[in-house]
Amino acid sequence: MADDLKLNPKTTAVILVDMINAVAKGDGPPYNPSANRQAVTDNFARLVAHCRQAGTPLIYITTHRRADNADAPKTVSDIGGGGGGMLAGTPAVEVVDELAPEPGDYIVVKPRFSAFYGTNVDGILKALGTETILVGGISTQRSVEGTARDAKNRDIQCVVVSDCCTAGEEDVHEMTIKHVLPLLVRVRTTDEVIAALS
């Protein structure tokens, strides 16, 4: 049985993974996100608004590549590309308008799936005195799970916000949320997290 979640807004930080146009909304502009991706943006908007009022720091994790894709992953996989078209300075890699960063927020570019790998996220969390991270974004089984695993390996308390995540295949999202992530971290809804921060 899941424990009651209680969070101190000042020692908690939110990590929003790849909530950028090309990932959260798809091909464009103009952008026409699928229903499941729009729902993630809407839930994040509620969480972000609450965290801004509570003084909980926001860390936006983004992705972009060089035009020649030289900084793309070198390992070969059966499914998934190397991030072509995700060029720095283009609308594709901008945070979606509904979640636009504000002065004082953190923006970090990650080179791989995890928000921790090759970034200064660890240093930011230490400087903030963070005890717990709230993680959501796209996609559940890659960047969200990768970030949760790295938090686990660093002994950082982590809560994945289940309805602030999705994947290209909703059954894969559901499997990851129900059967993989609970083995690593706590998994809660937006409403549960907002209540825990109140």
C-alpha atoms as a PDB file:
ATOM      1  CA  MET A   1       0.000   0.000   0.000  1.00  0.00           C
ATOM      2  CA  ALA A   2       1.313   3.432  -0.967  1.00  0.00           C
ATOM      3  CA  ASP A   3       2.333   5.680   1.893  1.00  0.00           C
ATOM      4  CA  ASP A   4       0.830   9.125   2.446  1.00  0.00           C
ATOM      5  CA  LEU A   5       2.908  11.645   0.585  1.00  0.00           C
ATOM      6  CA  LYS A   6       3.983  14.802   2.417  1.00  0.00           C
ATOM      7  CA  LEU A   7       6.337  17.217   0.700  1.00  0.00           C
ATOM      8  CA  ASN A   8       8.040  20.401   1.819  1.00  0.00           C
ATOM      9  CA  PRO A   9       7.647  22.851  -1.093  1.00  0.00           C
ATOM     10  CA  LYS A  10      11.024  24.420  -0.310  1.00  0.00           C
ATOM     11  CA  THR A  11      13.000  21.150  -0.368  1.00  0.00           C
ATOM     12  CA  THR A  12      11.187  19.726  -3.392  1.00  0.00           C
ATOM     13  CA  ALA A  13      11.983  20.475  -7.041  1.00  0.00           C
ATOM     14  CA  VAL A  14      10.057  19.689 -10.219  1.00  0.00           C
ATOM     15  CA  ILE A  15      11.868  18.233 -13.217  1.00  0.00           C
ATOM     16  CA  LEU A  16       9.956  18.659 -16.486  1.00  0.00           C
ATOM     17  CA  VAL A  17      11.496  16.394 -19.109  1.00  0.00           C
ATOM     18  CA  ASP A  18      11.276  17.272 -22.817  1.00  0.00           C
ATOM     19  CA  MET A  19       8.121  19.353 -22.604  1.00  0.00           C
ATOM     20  CA  ILE A  20       9.187  20.953 -25.868  1.00  0.00           C
ATOM     21  CA  ASN A  21       7.148  21.401 -29.027  1.00  0.00           C
ATOM     22  CA  ALA A  22       8.643  18.583 -31.098  1.00  0.00           C
ATOM     23  CA  VAL A  23       8.176  16.050 -28.290  1.00  0.00           C
ATOM     24  CA  ALA A  24       5.076  17.247 -26.433  1.00  0.00           C
ATOM     25  CA  LYS A  25       3.150  18.404 -29.497  1.00  0.00           C
ATOM     26  CA  GLY A  26       4.616  16.553 -32.480  1.00  0.00           C
ATOM     27  CA  ASP A  27       5.416  17.758 -35.977  1.00  0.00           C
ATOM     28  CA  GLY A  28       4.848  21.414 -36.714  1.00  0.00           C
ATOM     29  CA  PRO A  29       4.414  24.270 -36.636  1.00  0.00           C
ATOM     30  CA  PRO A  30       1.493  24.462 -36.570  1.00  0.00           C
ATOM     31  CA  TYR A  31       1.288  21.951 -33.722  1.00  0.00           C
ATOM     32  CA  ASN A  32      -1.646  19.635 -33.177  1.00  0.00           C
ATOM     33  CA  PRO A  33      -0.870  17.449 -30.132  1.00  0.00           C
ATOM     34  CA  SER A  34      -2.552  14.110 -29.551  1.00  0.00           C
ATOM     35  CA  ALA A  35      -5.071  13.953 -26.688  1.00  0.00           C
ATOM     36  CA  ASN A  36      -2.710  12.078 -24.352  1.00  0.00           C
ATOM     37  CA  ARG A  37       0.101  14.592 -24.891  1.00  0.00           C
ATOM     38  CA  GLN A  38      -2.221  17.567 -24.411  1.00  0.00           C
ATOM     39  CA  ALA A  39      -3.453  16.003 -21.158  1.00  0.00           C
ATOM     40  CA  VAL A  40       0.149  15.840 -19.898  1.00  0.00           C
ATOM     41  CA  THR A  41       0.637  19.535 -20.708  1.00  0.00           C
ATOM     42  CA  ASP A  42      -2.641  20.430 -18.963  1.00  0.00           C
ATOM     43  CA  ASN A  43      -1.703  18.476 -15.828  1.00  0.00           C
ATOM     44  CA  PHE A  44       1.767  19.990 -15.789  1.00  0.00           C
ATOM     45  CA  ALA A  45       0.212  23.473 -16.108  1.00  0.00           C
ATOM     46  CA  ARG A  46      -1.745  22.872 -12.897  1.00  0.00           C
ATOM     47  CA  LEU A  47       1.319  21.514 -11.103  1.00  0.00           C
ATOM     48  CA  VAL A  48       3.569  24.338 -12.308  1.00  0.00           C
ATOM     49  CA  ALA A  49       1.051  26.994 -11.229  1.00  0.00           C
ATOM     50  CA  HIS A  50       0.828  25.461  -7.760  1.00  0.00           C
ATOM     51  CA  CYS A  51       4.610  25.165  -7.457  1.00  0.00           C
ATOM     52  CA  ARG A  52       5.137  28.773  -8.497  1.00  0.00           C
ATOM     53  CA  GLN A  53       2.803  29.872  -5.689  1.00  0.00           C
ATOM     54  CA  ALA A  54       4.442  27.504  -3.182  1.00  0.00           C
ATOM     55  CA  GLY A  55       7.997  28.502  -4.107  1.00  0.00           C
ATOM     56  CA  THR A  56       8.983  25.074  -5.412  1.00  0.00           C
ATOM     57  CA  PRO A  57      11.831  25.309  -7.963  1.00  0.00           C
ATOM     58  CA  LEU A  58      11.245  24.247 -11.565  1.00  0.00           C
ATOM     59  CA  ILE A  59      13.939  22.600 -13.679  1.00  0.00           C
ATOM     60  CA  TYR A  60      13.189  22.302 -17.391  1.00  0.00           C
ATOM     61  CA  ILE A  61      15.112  19.552 -19.156  1.00  0.00           C
ATOM     62  CA  THR A  62      15.309  20.032 -22.903  1.00  0.00           C
ATOM     63  CA  THR A  63      16.969  18.306 -25.833  1.00  0.00           C
ATOM     64  CA  HIS A  64      18.511  19.602 -29.016  1.00  0.00           C
ATOM     65  CA  ARG A  65      21.138  18.481 -31.502  1.00  0.00           C
ATOM     66  CA  ARG A  66      23.730  19.924 -33.835  1.00  0.00           C
ATOM     67  CA  ALA A  67      22.697  20.229 -37.474  1.00  0.00           C
ATOM     68  CA  ASP A  68      25.123  17.428 -38.391  1.00  0.00           C
ATOM     69  CA  ASN A  69      23.731  15.224 -35.559  1.00  0.00           C
ATOM     70  CA  ALA A  70      27.318  14.659 -34.335  1.00  0.00           C
ATOM     71  CA  ASP A  71      26.145  14.896 -30.715  1.00  0.00           C
ATOM     72  CA  ALA A  72      23.390  12.272 -31.130  1.00  0.00           C
ATOM     73  CA  PRO A  73      23.609   8.922 -29.315  1.00  0.00           C
ATOM     74  CA  LYS A  74      26.098   6.553 -30.931  1.00  0.00           C
ATOM     75  CA  THR A  75      24.637   3.287 -29.682  1.00  0.00           C
ATOM     76  CA  VAL A  76      22.405   1.287 -31.984  1.00  0.00           C
ATOM     77  CA  SER A  77      18.885   0.311 -30.928  1.00  0.00           C
ATOM     78  CA  ASP A  78      16.055  -1.485 -32.674  1.00  0.00           C
ATOM     79  CA  ILE A  79      13.546   1.323 -32.136  1.00  0.00           C
ATOM     80  CA  GLY A  80      14.106   5.077 -31.993  1.00  0.00           C
ATOM     81  CA  GLY A  81      16.044   7.671 -33.894  1.00  0.00           C
ATOM     82  CA  GLY A  82      18.902   9.995 -33.113  1.00  0.00           C
ATOM     83  CA  GLY A  83      16.942  13.196 -32.622  1.00  0.00           C
ATOM     84  CA  GLY A  84      17.197  14.555 -36.141  1.00  0.00           C
ATOM     85  CA  GLY A  85      15.347  17.831 -36.660  1.00  0.00           C
ATOM     86  CA  MET A  86      15.788  18.873 -33.017  1.00  0.00           C
ATOM     87  CA  LEU A  87      17.961  21.877 -33.883  1.00  0.00           C
ATOM     88  CA  ALA A  88      18.932  24.460 -31.285  1.00  0.00           C
ATOM     89  CA  GLY A  89      17.206  27.803 -31.800  1.00  0.00           C
ATOM     90  CA  THR A  90      14.222  26.375 -33.663  1.00  0.00           C
ATOM     91  CA  PRO A  91      10.579  26.257 -32.487  1.00  0.00           C
ATOM     92  CA  ALA A  92      10.876  22.453 -32.267  1.00  0.00           C
ATOM     93  CA  VAL A  93      13.032  22.628 -29.130  1.00  0.00           C
ATOM     94  CA  GLU A  94      11.242  25.473 -27.350  1.00  0.00           C
ATOM     95  CA  VAL A  95       9.268  24.678 -24.191  1.00  0.00           C
ATOM     96  CA  VAL A  96       5.533  24.551 -24.987  1.00  0.00           C
ATOM     97  CA  ASP A  97       3.803  27.893 -24.492  1.00  0.00           C
ATOM     98  CA  GLU A  98       1.553  26.590 -21.718  1.00  0.00           C
ATOM     99  CA  LEU A  99       4.590  25.796 -19.556  1.00  0.00           C
ATOM    100  CA  ALA A 100       6.877  28.644 -20.578  1.00  0.00           C
ATOM    101  CA  PRO A 101       9.807  29.106 -18.186  1.00  0.00           C
ATOM    102  CA  GLU A 102      10.047  32.273 -16.133  1.00  0.00           C
ATOM    103  CA  PRO A 103      13.072  34.126 -14.773  1.00  0.00           C
ATOM    104  CA  GLY A 104      14.497  32.096 -11.912  1.00  0.00           C
ATOM    105  CA  ASP A 105      13.573  28.743 -13.438  1.00  0.00           C
ATOM    106  CA  TYR A 106      16.370  26.425 -14.506  1.00  0.00           C
ATOM    107  CA  ILE A 107      16.795  25.277 -18.118  1.00  0.00           C
ATOM    108  CA  VAL A 108      19.148  22.356 -18.737  1.00  0.00           C
ATOM    109  CA  VAL A 109      19.967  20.644 -22.039  1.00  0.00           C
ATOM    110  CA  LYS A 110      20.466  16.904 -21.684  1.00  0.00           C
ATOM    111  CA  PRO A 111      22.544  14.940 -24.209  1.00  0.00           C
ATOM    112  CA  ARG A 112      20.866  11.573 -23.524  1.00  0.00           C
ATOM    113  CA  PHE A 113      17.675  10.187 -21.943  1.00  0.00           C
ATOM    114  CA  SER A 114      18.382  10.851 -18.268  1.00  0.00           C
ATOM    115  CA  ALA A 115      18.148  14.393 -16.891  1.00  0.00           C
ATOM    116  CA  PHE A 116      21.270  13.626 -14.854  1.00  0.00           C
ATOM    117  CA  TYR A 117      23.600  12.290 -17.532  1.00  0.00           C
ATOM    118  CA  GLY A 118      26.071  14.898 -18.784  1.00  0.00           C
ATOM    119  CA  THR A 119      24.271  17.798 -17.034  1.00  0.00           C
ATOM    120  CA  ASN A 120      24.623  19.892 -13.885  1.00  0.00           C
ATOM    121  CA  VAL A 121      21.255  18.799 -12.453  1.00  0.00           C
ATOM    122  CA  ASP A 122      22.989  17.159  -9.465  1.00  0.00           C
ATOM    123  CA  GLY A 123      24.724  20.443  -8.672  1.00  0.00           C
ATOM    124  CA  ILE A 124      21.493  22.441  -9.011  1.00  0.00           C
ATOM    125  CA  LEU A 125      19.660  20.103  -6.629  1.00  0.00           C
ATOM    126  CA  LYS A 126      22.485  20.297  -4.073  1.00  0.00           C
ATOM    127  CA  ALA A 127      22.597  24.099  -4.289  1.00  0.00           C
ATOM    128  CA  LEU A 128      18.828  24.257  -3.756  1.00  0.00           C
ATOM    129  CA  GLY A 129      18.930  21.861  -0.802  1.00  0.00           C
ATOM    130  CA  THR A 130      16.524  19.553  -2.613  1.00  0.00           C
ATOM    131  CA  GLU A 131      15.427  16.402  -0.807  1.00  0.00           C
ATOM    132  CA  THR A 132      12.762  15.167  -3.247  1.00  0.00           C
ATOM    133  CA  ILE A 133      12.299  15.569  -6.995  1.00  0.00           C
ATOM    134  CA  LEU A 134       9.002  15.365  -8.846  1.00  0.00           C
ATOM    135  CA  VAL A 135       9.533  14.030 -12.358  1.00  0.00           C
ATOM    136  CA  GLY A 136       7.292  13.974 -15.389  1.00  0.00           C
ATOM    137  CA  GLY A 137       7.497  14.400 -19.128  1.00  0.00           C
ATOM    138  CA  ILE A 138       7.821  12.473 -22.330  1.00  0.00           C
ATOM    139  CA  SER A 139       8.487   9.674 -22.746  1.00  0.00           C
ATOM    140  CA  THR A 140       7.626   7.582 -19.718  1.00  0.00           C
ATOM    141  CA  GLN A 141       9.758   4.543 -20.541  1.00  0.00           C
ATOM    142  CA  ARG A 142      12.804   6.465 -21.737  1.00  0.00           C
ATOM    143  CA  SER A 143      13.576   9.865 -20.248  1.00  0.00           C
ATOM    144  CA  VAL A 144      11.252   9.719 -17.237  1.00  0.00           C
ATOM    145  CA  GLU A 145      12.282   6.206 -16.258  1.00  0.00           C
ATOM    146  CA  GLY A 146      15.943   6.995 -17.032  1.00  0.00           C
ATOM    147  CA  THR A 147      15.815  10.016 -14.731  1.00  0.00           C
ATOM    148  CA  ALA A 148      14.022   8.057 -11.987  1.00  0.00           C
ATOM    149  CA  ARG A 149      16.647   5.282 -12.187  1.00  0.00           C
ATOM    150  CA  ASP A 150      19.477   7.785 -11.911  1.00  0.00           C
ATOM    151  CA  ALA A 151      17.778   9.453  -8.924  1.00  0.00           C
ATOM    152  CA  LYS A 152      17.450   6.044  -7.274  1.00  0.00           C
ATOM    153  CA  ASN A 153      21.132   5.319  -7.864  1.00  0.00           C
ATOM    154  CA  ARG A 154      22.014   8.675  -6.273  1.00  0.00           C
ATOM    155  CA  ASP A 155      19.766   8.141  -3.223  1.00  0.00           C
ATOM    156  CA  ILE A 156      17.622  11.124  -4.236  1.00  0.00           C
ATOM    157  CA  GLN A 157      13.985  10.729  -3.248  1.00  0.00           C
ATOM    158  CA  CYS A 158      11.885  10.770  -6.415  1.00  0.00           C
ATOM    159  CA  VAL A 159       8.183  10.867  -7.166  1.00  0.00           C
ATOM    160  CA  VAL A 160       7.060  10.296 -10.744  1.00  0.00           C
ATOM    161  CA  VAL A 161       3.879  12.243 -11.473  1.00  0.00           C
ATOM    162  CA  SER A 162       1.954   9.598 -13.400  1.00  0.00           C
ATOM    163  CA  ASP A 163      -0.459  11.830 -15.318  1.00  0.00           C
ATOM    164  CA  CYS A 164       2.343  14.267 -16.198  1.00  0.00           C
ATOM    165  CA  CYS A 165       3.880  11.489 -18.328  1.00  0.00           C
ATOM    166  CA  THR A 166       3.027   9.717 -21.526  1.00  0.00           C
ATOM    167  CA  ALA A 167       4.616   7.777 -24.361  1.00  0.00           C
ATOM    168  CA  GLY A 168       4.072   7.150 -28.043  1.00  0.00           C
ATOM    169  CA  GLU A 169       2.368   3.889 -27.116  1.00  0.00           C
ATOM    170  CA  GLU A 170      -0.090   4.300 -24.248  1.00  0.00           C
ATOM    171  CA  ASP A 171       0.133   0.615 -23.272  1.00  0.00           C
ATOM    172  CA  VAL A 172       3.896   1.038 -22.799  1.00  0.00           C
ATOM    173  CA  HIS A 173       3.244   4.105 -20.627  1.00  0.00           C
ATOM    174  CA  GLU A 174       0.749   2.148 -18.516  1.00  0.00           C
ATOM    175  CA  MET A 175       3.092  -0.813 -18.125  1.00  0.00           C
ATOM    176  CA  THR A 176       5.964   1.445 -17.053  1.00  0.00           C
ATOM    177  CA  ILE A 177       3.804   3.419 -14.596  1.00  0.00           C
ATOM    178  CA  LYS A 178       2.190   0.337 -13.058  1.00  0.00           C
ATOM    179  CA  HIS A 179       4.952  -2.279 -13.114  1.00  0.00           C
ATOM    180  CA  VAL A 180       8.389  -0.672 -13.514  1.00  0.00           C
ATOM    181  CA  LEU A 181       8.502   2.707 -11.807  1.00  0.00           C
ATOM    182  CA  PRO A 182       6.897   1.603  -8.502  1.00  0.00           C
ATOM    183  CA  LEU A 183       9.865  -0.739  -8.041  1.00  0.00           C
ATOM    184  CA  LEU A 184      12.214   2.260  -8.225  1.00  0.00           C
ATOM    185  CA  VAL A 185      10.407   5.298  -6.811  1.00  0.00           C
ATOM    186  CA  ARG A 186       7.011   6.540  -5.665  1.00  0.00           C
ATOM    187  CA  VAL A 187       4.347   7.160  -8.315  1.00  0.00           C
ATOM    188  CA  ARG A 188       1.518   9.626  -7.668  1.00  0.00           C
ATOM    189  CA  THR A 189      -0.993  11.712  -9.637  1.00  0.00           C
ATOM    190  CA  THR A 190      -0.940  15.469 -10.080  1.00  0.00           C
ATOM    191  CA  ASP A 191      -3.748  15.865  -7.542  1.00  0.00           C
ATOM    192  CA  GLU A 192      -1.876  13.755  -4.971  1.00  0.00           C
ATOM    193  CA  VAL A 193       1.318  15.738  -5.470  1.00  0.00           C
ATOM    194  CA  ILE A 194      -0.436  19.100  -5.197  1.00  0.00           C
ATOM    195  CA  ALA A 195      -2.125  17.935  -2.001  1.00  0.00           C
ATOM    196  CA  ALA A 196       1.229  16.754  -0.622  1.00  0.00           C
ATOM    197  CA  LEU A 197       2.778  20.167  -1.325  1.00  0.00           C
ATOM    198  CA  SER A 198      -0.091  22.079   0.305  1.00  0.00           C
END
